[in-house]
Amino acid sequence: MQEFRNITMQGVVEAKLYLEDHGWDAQKALAAWRDDNEWESKALVAAGAAAASSAAKEAEAEADAAGVAPKEFGQKAADIELPPFPPTQPGQATQVI
């Protein structure tokens, strides 16, 4: 069990579960742990990509609602035309938040 824990850095409970599930065959338990670890890594990458995509869609929706053109690929943020702030026309109210 200690060898499994040294390789995987898992706690006693996790190591025991893997080893018991594989008839105390350390090689099979390690192979299963590696498969699980690989699957978890891919799932985290996929979740991160989904979150980034969601954040990009939210930012685009906010920009659209504010009347700002969406950022094109390769376009620098400094090149995006924003409405003037504070309003420059006389008589326009400004809102301080």
Foldseek 3Di string as FASTA:
>chain_A
DVVLCVVPVDDPVLQVVLCVVVVNPSVNSNVVVVVVVVVVVVVVVVVVVVVVVVVLVVVCVVCVVQVWDDDDVPRDPVPTDHDDPPDDDPPDDGDDD
